[in-house]
Amino acid sequence: MTRRSPSPDQLPLRLVDGAEDDLERIIEARVAARAEADALRWRFRLVVIESVMMGSLIIAAGFALDQPTGLVLRGAGLVAAGGFLTGLILIALSAVTSRLLARWRRRS
């Protein structure tokens, strides 16, 4: 595709030499920040889904084995809460590790 030359009445949009490189760097930084935020959101969703599934499996197994309702609900709540907390800890540890690795790469 050929590039059309601008009209003589129009000023060229060249603010700085190498503006394309600056623009590319800005776009890449924004895309990276958005991807990191999306990844964190998806990890959190997966932890929530996993916790709900584990709790519901405990409830289903408890009722299938004719266990007392209070005992089943307490066990399901403990398992779901434990899974949720460990998932949050893993998300936090992975975030801290990635930041430390990024800082270490910048120093090297």
PDB file of N, CA and C in Angstrom:
ATOM      1  N   MET A   1       0.843  -1.168   0.000  1.00  0.00           N
ATOM      2  CA  MET A   1       0.000   0.000   0.000  1.00  0.00           C
ATOM      3  C   MET A   1       0.895   1.241   0.000  1.00  0.00           C
ATOM      4  N   THR A   2       0.656   2.134  -0.881  1.00  0.00           N
ATOM      5  CA  THR A   2       1.479   3.336  -0.963  1.00  0.00           C
ATOM      6  C   THR A   2       0.982   4.373   0.028  1.00  0.00           C
ATOM      7  N   ARG A   3       1.907   5.145   0.491  1.00  0.00           N
ATOM      8  CA  ARG A   3       1.582   6.176   1.465  1.00  0.00           C
ATOM      9  C   ARG A   3       1.348   7.491   0.734  1.00  0.00           C
ATOM     10  N   ARG A   4       0.238   8.078   1.033  1.00  0.00           N
ATOM     11  CA  ARG A   4      -0.116   9.339   0.402  1.00  0.00           C
ATOM     12  C   ARG A   4       0.613  10.486   1.087  1.00  0.00           C
ATOM     13  N   SER A   5       1.107  11.403   0.322  1.00  0.00           N
ATOM     14  CA  SER A   5       1.796  12.540   0.931  1.00  0.00           C
ATOM     15  C   SER A   5       0.757  13.518   1.482  1.00  0.00           C
ATOM     16  N   PRO A   6       1.087  14.184   2.581  1.00  0.00           N
ATOM     17  CA  PRO A   6       0.120  15.117   3.172  1.00  0.00           C
ATOM     18  C   PRO A   6      -0.074  16.340   2.292  1.00  0.00           C
ATOM     19  N   SER A   7      -1.172  16.978   2.539  1.00  0.00           N
ATOM     20  CA  SER A   7      -1.474  18.207   1.814  1.00  0.00           C
ATOM     21  C   SER A   7      -0.445  19.276   2.184  1.00  0.00           C
ATOM     22  N   PRO A   8      -0.118  20.171   1.258  1.00  0.00           N
ATOM     23  CA  PRO A   8       0.835  21.232   1.581  1.00  0.00           C
ATOM     24  C   PRO A   8       0.330  22.165   2.682  1.00  0.00           C
ATOM     25  N   ASP A   9      -0.985  22.202   2.871  1.00  0.00           N
ATOM     26  CA  ASP A   9      -1.553  23.052   3.922  1.00  0.00           C
ATOM     27  C   ASP A   9      -1.471  22.408   5.306  1.00  0.00           C
ATOM     28  N   GLN A  10      -1.176  21.118   5.326  1.00  0.00           N
ATOM     29  CA  GLN A  10      -1.162  20.380   6.601  1.00  0.00           C
ATOM     30  C   GLN A  10       0.264  20.303   7.135  1.00  0.00           C
ATOM     31  N   LEU A  11       0.413  20.568   8.424  1.00  0.00           N
ATOM     32  CA  LEU A  11       1.726  20.479   9.047  1.00  0.00           C
ATOM     33  C   LEU A  11       2.060  19.015   9.318  1.00  0.00           C
ATOM     34  N   PRO A  12       3.296  18.643   9.127  1.00  0.00           N
ATOM     35  CA  PRO A  12       3.666  17.256   9.426  1.00  0.00           C
ATOM     36  C   PRO A  12       3.647  17.020  10.944  1.00  0.00           C
ATOM     37  N   LEU A  13       3.261  15.818  11.332  1.00  0.00           N
ATOM     38  CA  LEU A  13       3.164  15.485  12.755  1.00  0.00           C
ATOM     39  C   LEU A  13       4.464  14.826  13.208  1.00  0.00           C
ATOM     40  N   ARG A  14       5.479  15.622  13.315  1.00  0.00           N
ATOM     41  CA  ARG A  14       6.763  15.135  13.813  1.00  0.00           C
ATOM     42  C   ARG A  14       7.169  16.041  14.960  1.00  0.00           C
ATOM     43  N   LEU A  15       6.839  15.589  16.151  1.00  0.00           N
ATOM     44  CA  LEU A  15       7.126  16.409  17.320  1.00  0.00           C
ATOM     45  C   LEU A  15       8.580  16.285  17.741  1.00  0.00           C
ATOM     46  N   VAL A  16       9.078  15.063  17.681  1.00  0.00           N
ATOM     47  CA  VAL A  16      10.440  14.790  18.114  1.00  0.00           C
ATOM     48  C   VAL A  16      11.013  13.735  17.181  1.00  0.00           C
ATOM     49  N   ASP A  17      12.310  13.786  16.977  1.00  0.00           N
ATOM     50  CA  ASP A  17      12.927  12.705  16.206  1.00  0.00           C
ATOM     51  C   ASP A  17      12.824  11.421  17.007  1.00  0.00           C
ATOM     52  N   GLY A  18      12.432  10.360  16.370  1.00  0.00           N
ATOM     53  CA  GLY A  18      12.274   9.082  17.060  1.00  0.00           C
ATOM     54  C   GLY A  18      10.973   8.996  17.834  1.00  0.00           C
ATOM     55  N   ALA A  19       9.972   9.772  17.442  1.00  0.00           N
ATOM     56  CA  ALA A  19       8.696   9.768  18.158  1.00  0.00           C
ATOM     57  C   ALA A  19       8.003   8.424  18.024  1.00  0.00           C
ATOM     58  N   GLU A  20       8.235   7.739  16.906  1.00  0.00           N
ATOM     59  CA  GLU A  20       7.622   6.430  16.719  1.00  0.00           C
ATOM     60  C   GLU A  20       8.133   5.443  17.760  1.00  0.00           C
ATOM     61  N   ASP A  21       9.411   5.520  18.073  1.00  0.00           N
ATOM     62  CA  ASP A  21       9.972   4.629  19.091  1.00  0.00           C
ATOM     63  C   ASP A  21       9.392   4.939  20.473  1.00  0.00           C
ATOM     64  N   ASP A  22       9.234   6.215  20.770  1.00  0.00           N
ATOM     65  CA  ASP A  22       8.642   6.601  22.057  1.00  0.00           C
ATOM     66  C   ASP A  22       7.198   6.122  22.158  1.00  0.00           C
ATOM     67  N   LEU A  23       6.456   6.318  21.088  1.00  0.00           N
ATOM     68  CA  LEU A  23       5.066   5.879  21.061  1.00  0.00           C
ATOM     69  C   LEU A  23       4.977   4.369  21.219  1.00  0.00           C
ATOM     70  N   GLU A  24       5.836   3.653  20.536  1.00  0.00           N
ATOM     71  CA  GLU A  24       5.854   2.187  20.652  1.00  0.00           C
ATOM     72  C   GLU A  24       6.159   1.749  22.081  1.00  0.00           C
ATOM     73  N   ARG A  25       7.104   2.410  22.721  1.00  0.00           N
ATOM     74  CA  ARG A  25       7.467   2.083  24.099  1.00  0.00           C
ATOM     75  C   ARG A  25       6.297   2.353  25.052  1.00  0.00           C
ATOM     76  N   ILE A  26       5.593   3.467  24.848  1.00  0.00           N
ATOM     77  CA  ILE A  26       4.441   3.804  25.687  1.00  0.00           C
ATOM     78  C   ILE A  26       3.332   2.773  25.512  1.00  0.00           C
ATOM     79  N   ILE A  27       3.068   2.397  24.264  1.00  0.00           N
ATOM     80  CA  ILE A  27       2.024   1.408  23.996  1.00  0.00           C
ATOM     81  C   ILE A  27       2.379   0.065  24.629  1.00  0.00           C
ATOM     82  N   GLU A  28       3.621  -0.365  24.489  1.00  0.00           N
ATOM     83  CA  GLU A  28       4.042  -1.633  25.081  1.00  0.00           C
ATOM     84  C   GLU A  28       3.921  -1.617  26.598  1.00  0.00           C
ATOM     85  N   ALA A  29       4.242  -0.499  27.223  1.00  0.00           N
ATOM     86  CA  ALA A  29       4.120  -0.404  28.673  1.00  0.00           C
ATOM     87  C   ALA A  29       2.662  -0.486  29.105  1.00  0.00           C
ATOM     88  N   ARG A  30       1.769   0.176  28.370  1.00  0.00           N
ATOM     89  CA  ARG A  30       0.341   0.116  28.713  1.00  0.00           C
ATOM     90  C   ARG A  30      -0.217  -1.280  28.515  1.00  0.00           C
ATOM     91  N   VAL A  31       0.169  -1.945  27.444  1.00  0.00           N
ATOM     92  CA  VAL A  31      -0.305  -3.309  27.188  1.00  0.00           C
ATOM     93  C   VAL A  31       0.209  -4.255  28.262  1.00  0.00           C
ATOM     94  N   ALA A  32       1.448  -4.097  28.671  1.00  0.00           N
ATOM     95  CA  ALA A  32       1.999  -4.957  29.710  1.00  0.00           C
ATOM     96  C   ALA A  32       1.287  -4.749  31.043  1.00  0.00           C
ATOM     97  N   ALA A  33       0.985  -3.503  31.380  1.00  0.00           N
ATOM     98  CA  ALA A  33       0.286  -3.233  32.639  1.00  0.00           C
ATOM     99  C   ALA A  33      -1.124  -3.809  32.608  1.00  0.00           C
ATOM    100  N   ARG A  34      -1.790  -3.686  31.472  1.00  0.00           N
ATOM    101  CA  ARG A  34      -3.150  -4.232  31.364  1.00  0.00           C
ATOM    102  C   ARG A  34      -3.143  -5.753  31.412  1.00  0.00           C
ATOM    103  N   ALA A  35      -2.166  -6.377  30.760  1.00  0.00           N
ATOM    104  CA  ALA A  35      -2.068  -7.835  30.779  1.00  0.00           C
ATOM    105  C   ALA A  35      -1.788  -8.342  32.189  1.00  0.00           C
ATOM    106  N   GLU A  36      -0.964  -7.615  32.932  1.00  0.00           N
ATOM    107  CA  GLU A  36      -0.671  -8.017  34.308  1.00  0.00           C
ATOM    108  C   GLU A  36      -1.916  -7.909  35.185  1.00  0.00           C
ATOM    109  N   ALA A  37      -2.693  -6.853  34.998  1.00  0.00           N
ATOM    110  CA  ALA A  37      -3.928  -6.702  35.767  1.00  0.00           C
ATOM    111  C   ALA A  37      -4.940  -7.785  35.402  1.00  0.00           C
ATOM    112  N   ASP A  38      -5.049  -8.104  34.111  1.00  0.00           N
ATOM    113  CA  ASP A  38      -5.951  -9.170  33.692  1.00  0.00           C
ATOM    114  C   ASP A  38      -5.520 -10.518  34.248  1.00  0.00           C
ATOM    115  N   ALA A  39      -4.225 -10.770  34.259  1.00  0.00           N
ATOM    116  CA  ALA A  39      -3.732 -12.040  34.794  1.00  0.00           C
ATOM    117  C   ALA A  39      -4.054 -12.163  36.280  1.00  0.00           C
ATOM    118  N   LEU A  40      -3.909 -11.086  37.016  1.00  0.00           N
ATOM    119  CA  LEU A  40      -4.237 -11.107  38.446  1.00  0.00           C
ATOM    120  C   LEU A  40      -5.727 -11.366  38.657  1.00  0.00           C
ATOM    121  N   ARG A  41      -6.557 -10.731  37.846  1.00  0.00           N
ATOM    122  CA  ARG A  41      -8.004 -10.945  37.938  1.00  0.00           C
ATOM    123  C   ARG A  41      -8.377 -12.394  37.651  1.00  0.00           C
ATOM    124  N   TRP A  42      -7.757 -12.976  36.619  1.00  0.00           N
ATOM    125  CA  TRP A  42      -8.058 -14.371  36.290  1.00  0.00           C
ATOM    126  C   TRP A  42      -7.572 -15.325  37.361  1.00  0.00           C
ATOM    127  N   ARG A  43      -6.422 -15.058  37.943  1.00  0.00           N
ATOM    128  CA  ARG A  43      -5.942 -15.917  39.043  1.00  0.00           C
ATOM    129  C   ARG A  43      -6.910 -15.875  40.211  1.00  0.00           C
ATOM    130  N   PHE A  44      -7.392 -14.686  40.534  1.00  0.00           N
ATOM    131  CA  PHE A  44      -8.343 -14.561  41.635  1.00  0.00           C
ATOM    132  C   PHE A  44      -9.630 -15.310  41.319  1.00  0.00           C
ATOM    133  N   ARG A  45     -10.123 -15.205  40.096  1.00  0.00           N
ATOM    134  CA  ARG A  45     -11.330 -15.937  39.701  1.00  0.00           C
ATOM    135  C   ARG A  45     -11.133 -17.437  39.836  1.00  0.00           C
ATOM    136  N   LEU A  46      -9.977 -17.919  39.418  1.00  0.00           N
ATOM    137  CA  LEU A  46      -9.711 -19.352  39.521  1.00  0.00           C
ATOM    138  C   LEU A  46      -9.666 -19.815  40.972  1.00  0.00           C
ATOM    139  N   VAL A  47      -9.105 -19.013  41.848  1.00  0.00           N
ATOM    140  CA  VAL A  47      -9.064 -19.364  43.264  1.00  0.00           C
ATOM    141  C   VAL A  47     -10.475 -19.425  43.837  1.00  0.00           C
ATOM    142  N   VAL A  48     -11.313 -18.465  43.479  1.00  0.00           N
ATOM    143  CA  VAL A  48     -12.701 -18.462  43.967  1.00  0.00           C
ATOM    144  C   VAL A  48     -13.451 -19.684  43.448  1.00  0.00           C
ATOM    145  N   ILE A  49     -13.302 -19.987  42.170  1.00  0.00           N
ATOM    146  CA  ILE A  49     -13.988 -21.144  41.590  1.00  0.00           C
ATOM    147  C   ILE A  49     -13.516 -22.435  42.249  1.00  0.00           C
ATOM    148  N   GLU A  50     -12.215 -22.549  42.465  1.00  0.00           N
ATOM    149  CA  GLU A  50     -11.665 -23.745  43.113  1.00  0.00           C
ATOM    150  C   GLU A  50     -12.201 -23.897  44.534  1.00  0.00           C
ATOM    151  N   SER A  51     -12.295 -22.806  45.259  1.00  0.00           N
ATOM    152  CA  SER A  51     -12.793 -22.867  46.633  1.00  0.00           C
ATOM    153  C   SER A  51     -14.255 -23.297  46.673  1.00  0.00           C
ATOM    154  N   VAL A  52     -15.050 -22.749  45.782  1.00  0.00           N
ATOM    155  CA  VAL A  52     -16.467 -23.122  45.733  1.00  0.00           C
ATOM    156  C   VAL A  52     -16.621 -24.591  45.347  1.00  0.00           C
ATOM    157  N   MET A  53     -15.834 -25.029  44.399  1.00  0.00           N
ATOM    158  CA  MET A  53     -15.927 -26.431  43.972  1.00  0.00           C
ATOM    159  C   MET A  53     -15.517 -27.381  45.091  1.00  0.00           C
ATOM    160  N   MET A  54     -14.449 -27.062  45.806  1.00  0.00           N
ATOM    161  CA  MET A  54     -14.032 -27.935  46.907  1.00  0.00           C
ATOM    162  C   MET A  54     -15.087 -27.978  48.006  1.00  0.00           C
ATOM    163  N   GLY A  55     -15.649 -26.823  48.344  1.00  0.00           N
ATOM    164  CA  GLY A  55     -16.697 -26.787  49.352  1.00  0.00           C
ATOM    165  C   GLY A  55     -17.923 -27.580  48.935  1.00  0.00           C
ATOM    166  N   SER A  56     -18.322 -27.439  47.674  1.00  0.00           N
ATOM    167  CA  SER A  56     -19.507 -28.173  47.206  1.00  0.00           C
ATOM    168  C   SER A  56     -19.243 -29.674  47.128  1.00  0.00           C
ATOM    169  N   LEU A  57     -18.026 -30.069  46.815  1.00  0.00           N
ATOM    170  CA  LEU A  57     -17.706 -31.502  46.817  1.00  0.00           C
ATOM    171  C   LEU A  57     -17.760 -32.078  48.224  1.00  0.00           C
ATOM    172  N   ILE A  58     -17.307 -31.324  49.205  1.00  0.00           N
ATOM    173  CA  ILE A  58     -17.381 -31.788  50.594  1.00  0.00           C
ATOM    174  C   ILE A  58     -18.846 -31.911  51.018  1.00  0.00           C
ATOM    175  N   ILE A  59     -19.661 -30.945  50.633  1.00  0.00           N
ATOM    176  CA  ILE A  59     -21.093 -31.003  50.972  1.00  0.00           C
ATOM    177  C   ILE A  59     -21.739 -32.221  50.312  1.00  0.00           C
ATOM    178  N   ALA A  60     -21.450 -32.443  49.032  1.00  0.00           N
ATOM    179  CA  ALA A  60     -22.038 -33.577  48.326  1.00  0.00           C
ATOM    180  C   ALA A  60     -21.588 -34.898  48.941  1.00  0.00           C
ATOM    181  N   ALA A  61     -20.309 -35.003  49.273  1.00  0.00           N
ATOM    182  CA  ALA A  61     -19.813 -36.244  49.868  1.00  0.00           C
ATOM    183  C   ALA A  61     -20.404 -36.455  51.260  1.00  0.00           C
ATOM    184  N   GLY A  62     -20.522 -35.395  52.041  1.00  0.00           N
ATOM    185  CA  GLY A  62     -21.090 -35.515  53.386  1.00  0.00           C
ATOM    186  C   GLY A  62     -22.542 -35.945  53.366  1.00  0.00           C
ATOM    187  N   PHE A  63     -23.309 -35.377  52.461  1.00  0.00           N
ATOM    188  CA  PHE A  63     -24.722 -35.762  52.369  1.00  0.00           C
ATOM    189  C   PHE A  63     -24.872 -37.164  51.785  1.00  0.00           C
ATOM    190  N   ALA A  64     -23.981 -37.535  50.855  1.00  0.00           N
ATOM    191  CA  ALA A  64     -24.042 -38.889  50.288  1.00  0.00           C
ATOM    192  C   ALA A  64     -23.709 -39.949  51.335  1.00  0.00           C
ATOM    193  N   LEU A  65     -22.886 -39.601  52.307  1.00  0.00           N
ATOM    194  CA  LEU A  65     -22.507 -40.547  53.367  1.00  0.00           C
ATOM    195  C   LEU A  65     -23.389 -40.421  54.605  1.00  0.00           C
ATOM    196  N   ASP A  66     -24.466 -39.642  54.506  1.00  0.00           N
ATOM    197  CA  ASP A  66     -25.430 -39.453  55.600  1.00  0.00           C
ATOM    198  C   ASP A  66     -24.772 -38.955  56.884  1.00  0.00           C
ATOM    199  N   GLN A  67     -23.937 -37.938  56.746  1.00  0.00           N
ATOM    200  CA  GLN A  67     -23.293 -37.316  57.905  1.00  0.00           C
ATOM    201  C   GLN A  67     -24.204 -36.205  58.437  1.00  0.00           C
ATOM    202  N   PRO A  68     -24.015 -35.812  59.692  1.00  0.00           N
ATOM    203  CA  PRO A  68     -24.828 -34.719  60.251  1.00  0.00           C
ATOM    204  C   PRO A  68     -24.610 -33.414  59.468  1.00  0.00           C
ATOM    205  N   THR A  69     -25.673 -32.656  59.278  1.00  0.00           N
ATOM    206  CA  THR A  69     -25.628 -31.450  58.451  1.00  0.00           C
ATOM    207  C   THR A  69     -24.657 -30.408  58.987  1.00  0.00           C
ATOM    208  N   GLY A  70     -24.657 -30.186  60.278  1.00  0.00           N
ATOM    209  CA  GLY A  70     -23.756 -29.195  60.869  1.00  0.00           C
ATOM    210  C   GLY A  70     -22.301 -29.555  60.653  1.00  0.00           C
ATOM    211  N   LEU A  71     -21.995 -30.830  60.803  1.00  0.00           N
ATOM    212  CA  LEU A  71     -20.622 -31.300  60.612  1.00  0.00           C
ATOM    213  C   LEU A  71     -20.201 -31.141  59.152  1.00  0.00           C
ATOM    214  N   VAL A  72     -21.100 -31.448  58.235  1.00  0.00           N
ATOM    215  CA  VAL A  72     -20.795 -31.328  56.805  1.00  0.00           C
ATOM    216  C   VAL A  72     -20.579 -29.872  56.418  1.00  0.00           C
ATOM    217  N   LEU A  73     -21.453 -28.997  56.870  1.00  0.00           N
ATOM    218  CA  LEU A  73     -21.328 -27.579  56.517  1.00  0.00           C
ATOM    219  C   LEU A  73     -20.073 -26.956  57.123  1.00  0.00           C
ATOM    220  N   ARG A  74     -19.762 -27.331  58.358  1.00  0.00           N
ATOM    221  CA  ARG A  74     -18.540 -26.809  58.982  1.00  0.00           C
ATOM    222  C   ARG A  74     -17.303 -27.293  58.236  1.00  0.00           C
ATOM    223  N   GLY A  75     -17.287 -28.572  57.882  1.00  0.00           N
ATOM    224  CA  GLY A  75     -16.152 -29.109  57.130  1.00  0.00           C
ATOM    225  C   GLY A  75     -16.010 -28.468  55.765  1.00  0.00           C
ATOM    226  N   ALA A  76     -17.135 -28.271  55.090  1.00  0.00           N
ATOM    227  CA  ALA A  76     -17.089 -27.635  53.771  1.00  0.00           C
ATOM    228  C   ALA A  76     -16.607 -26.193  53.877  1.00  0.00           C
ATOM    229  N   GLY A  77     -17.064 -25.495  54.896  1.00  0.00           N
ATOM    230  CA  GLY A  77     -16.617 -24.113  55.093  1.00  0.00           C
ATOM    231  C   GLY A  77     -15.135 -24.024  55.389  1.00  0.00           C
ATOM    232  N   LEU A  78     -14.647 -24.942  56.224  1.00  0.00           N
ATOM    233  CA  LEU A  78     -13.213 -24.950  56.542  1.00  0.00           C
ATOM    234  C   LEU A  78     -12.364 -25.267  55.316  1.00  0.00           C
ATOM    235  N   VAL A  79     -12.794 -26.247  54.541  1.00  0.00           N
ATOM    236  CA  VAL A  79     -12.030 -26.607  53.343  1.00  0.00           C
ATOM    237  C   VAL A  79     -12.046 -25.463  52.335  1.00  0.00           C
ATOM    238  N   ALA A  80     -13.215 -24.861  52.115  1.00  0.00           N
ATOM    239  CA  ALA A  80     -13.311 -23.750  51.158  1.00  0.00           C
ATOM    240  C   ALA A  80     -12.486 -22.552  51.625  1.00  0.00           C
ATOM    241  N   ALA A  81     -12.568 -22.230  52.911  1.00  0.00           N
ATOM    242  CA  ALA A  81     -11.789 -21.097  53.435  1.00  0.00           C
ATOM    243  C   ALA A  81     -10.295 -21.380  53.355  1.00  0.00           C
ATOM    244  N   GLY A  82      -9.898 -22.597  53.672  1.00  0.00           N
ATOM    245  CA  GLY A  82      -8.486 -22.953  53.581  1.00  0.00           C
ATOM    246  C   GLY A  82      -7.972 -22.885  52.157  1.00  0.00           C
ATOM    247  N   GLY A  83      -8.760 -23.383  51.216  1.00  0.00           N
ATOM    248  CA  GLY A  83      -8.358 -23.308  49.812  1.00  0.00           C
ATOM    249  C   GLY A  83      -8.277 -21.875  49.317  1.00  0.00           C
ATOM    250  N   PHE A  84      -9.218 -21.048  49.750  1.00  0.00           N
ATOM    251  CA  PHE A  84      -9.222 -19.648  49.343  1.00  0.00           C
ATOM    252  C   PHE A  84      -8.004 -18.916  49.903  1.00  0.00           C
ATOM    253  N   LEU A  85      -7.709 -19.127  51.178  1.00  0.00           N
ATOM    254  CA  LEU A  85      -6.562 -18.440  51.783  1.00  0.00           C
ATOM    255  C   LEU A  85      -5.241 -18.892  51.175  1.00  0.00           C
ATOM    256  N   THR A  86      -5.079 -20.191  50.951  1.00  0.00           N
ATOM    257  CA  THR A  86      -3.830 -20.649  50.333  1.00  0.00           C
ATOM    258  C   THR A  86      -3.712 -20.138  48.901  1.00  0.00           C
ATOM    259  N   GLY A  87      -4.827 -20.041  48.191  1.00  0.00           N
ATOM    260  CA  GLY A  87      -4.778 -19.475  46.840  1.00  0.00           C
ATOM    261  C   GLY A  87      -4.363 -18.017  46.851  1.00  0.00           C
ATOM    262  N   LEU A  88      -4.900 -17.247  47.804  1.00  0.00           N
ATOM    263  CA  LEU A  88      -4.503 -15.840  47.913  1.00  0.00           C
ATOM    264  C   LEU A  88      -3.030 -15.704  48.281  1.00  0.00           C
ATOM    265  N   ILE A  89      -2.559 -16.585  49.150  1.00  0.00           N
ATOM    266  CA  ILE A  89      -1.137 -16.551  49.514  1.00  0.00           C
ATOM    267  C   ILE A  89      -0.271 -16.861  48.300  1.00  0.00           C
ATOM    268  N   LEU A  90      -0.676 -17.838  47.498  1.00  0.00           N
ATOM    269  CA  LEU A  90       0.094 -18.166  46.298  1.00  0.00           C
ATOM    270  C   LEU A  90       0.087 -17.024  45.284  1.00  0.00           C
ATOM    271  N   ILE A  91      -1.042 -16.349  45.137  1.00  0.00           N
ATOM    272  CA  ILE A  91      -1.105 -15.199  44.231  1.00  0.00           C
ATOM    273  C   ILE A  91      -0.155 -14.099  44.721  1.00  0.00           C
ATOM    274  N   ALA A  92      -0.183 -13.832  46.013  1.00  0.00           N
ATOM    275  CA  ALA A  92       0.696 -12.793  46.572  1.00  0.00           C
ATOM    276  C   ALA A  92       2.166 -13.166  46.412  1.00  0.00           C
ATOM    277  N   LEU A  93       2.495 -14.432  46.676  1.00  0.00           N
ATOM    278  CA  LEU A  93       3.886 -14.859  46.537  1.00  0.00           C
ATOM    279  C   LEU A  93       4.359 -14.791  45.088  1.00  0.00           C
ATOM    280  N   SER A  94       3.501 -15.136  44.141  1.00  0.00           N
ATOM    281  CA  SER A  94       3.908 -15.048  42.738  1.00  0.00           C
ATOM    282  C   SER A  94       4.095 -13.593  42.311  1.00  0.00           C
ATOM    283  N   ALA A  95       3.257 -12.688  42.826  1.00  0.00           N
ATOM    284  CA  ALA A  95       3.419 -11.265  42.501  1.00  0.00           C
ATOM    285  C   ALA A  95       4.724 -10.718  43.077  1.00  0.00           C
ATOM    286  N   VAL A  96       5.019 -11.066  44.315  1.00  0.00           N
ATOM    287  CA  VAL A  96       6.258 -10.598  44.942  1.00  0.00           C
ATOM    288  C   VAL A  96       7.469 -11.158  44.213  1.00  0.00           C
ATOM    289  N   THR A  97       7.413 -12.431  43.847  1.00  0.00           N
ATOM    290  CA  THR A  97       8.530 -13.048  43.148  1.00  0.00           C
ATOM    291  C   THR A  97       8.755 -12.412  41.781  1.00  0.00           C
ATOM    292  N   SER A  98       7.684 -12.131  41.054  1.00  0.00           N
ATOM    293  CA  SER A  98       7.858 -11.511  39.733  1.00  0.00           C
ATOM    294  C   SER A  98       8.436 -10.106  39.855  1.00  0.00           C
ATOM    295  N   ARG A  99       8.031  -9.366  40.876  1.00  0.00           N
ATOM    296  CA  ARG A  99       8.606  -8.026  41.064  1.00  0.00           C
ATOM    297  C   ARG A  99      10.071  -8.086  41.452  1.00  0.00           C
ATOM    298  N   LEU A 100      10.420  -9.056  42.300  1.00  0.00           N
ATOM    299  CA  LEU A 100      11.825  -9.209  42.677  1.00  0.00           C
ATOM    300  C   LEU A 100      12.680  -9.618  41.474  1.00  0.00           C
ATOM    301  N   LEU A 101      12.161 -10.520  40.645  1.00  0.00           N
ATOM    302  CA  LEU A 101      12.902 -10.921  39.456  1.00  0.00           C
ATOM    303  C   LEU A 101      13.056  -9.764  38.473  1.00  0.00           C
ATOM    304  N   ALA A 102      12.017  -8.954  38.326  1.00  0.00           N
ATOM    305  CA  ALA A 102      12.110  -7.792  37.434  1.00  0.00           C
ATOM    306  C   ALA A 102      13.151  -6.801  37.944  1.00  0.00           C
ATOM    307  N   ARG A 103      13.171  -6.582  39.245  1.00  0.00           N
ATOM    308  CA  ARG A 103      14.162  -5.669  39.830  1.00  0.00           C
ATOM    309  C   ARG A 103      15.571  -6.226  39.662  1.00  0.00           C
ATOM    310  N   TRP A 104      15.713  -7.549  39.829  1.00  0.00           N
ATOM    311  CA  TRP A 104      17.012  -8.186  39.709  1.00  0.00           C
ATOM    312  C   TRP A 104      17.503  -8.124  38.263  1.00  0.00           C
ATOM    313  N   ARG A 105      16.593  -8.263  37.292  1.00  0.00           N
ATOM    314  CA  ARG A 105      16.983  -8.181  35.878  1.00  0.00           C
ATOM    315  C   ARG A 105      17.407  -6.771  35.521  1.00  0.00           C
ATOM    316  N   ARG A 106      16.773  -5.758  36.105  1.00  0.00           N
ATOM    317  CA  ARG A 106      17.160  -4.383  35.810  1.00  0.00           C
ATOM    318  C   ARG A 106      18.551  -4.071  36.344  1.00  0.00           C
ATOM    319  N   ARG A 107      18.899  -4.658  37.466  1.00  0.00           N
ATOM    320  CA  ARG A 107      20.222  -4.418  38.042  1.00  0.00           C
ATOM    321  C   ARG A 107      21.324  -5.110  37.233  1.00  0.00           C
ATOM    322  N   SER A 108      20.987  -6.251  36.669  1.00  0.00           N
ATOM    323  CA  SER A 108      22.013  -7.022  35.935  1.00  0.00           C
ATOM    324  C   SER A 108      22.308  -6.472  34.579  1.00  0.00           C
TER     325      SER A 108
END
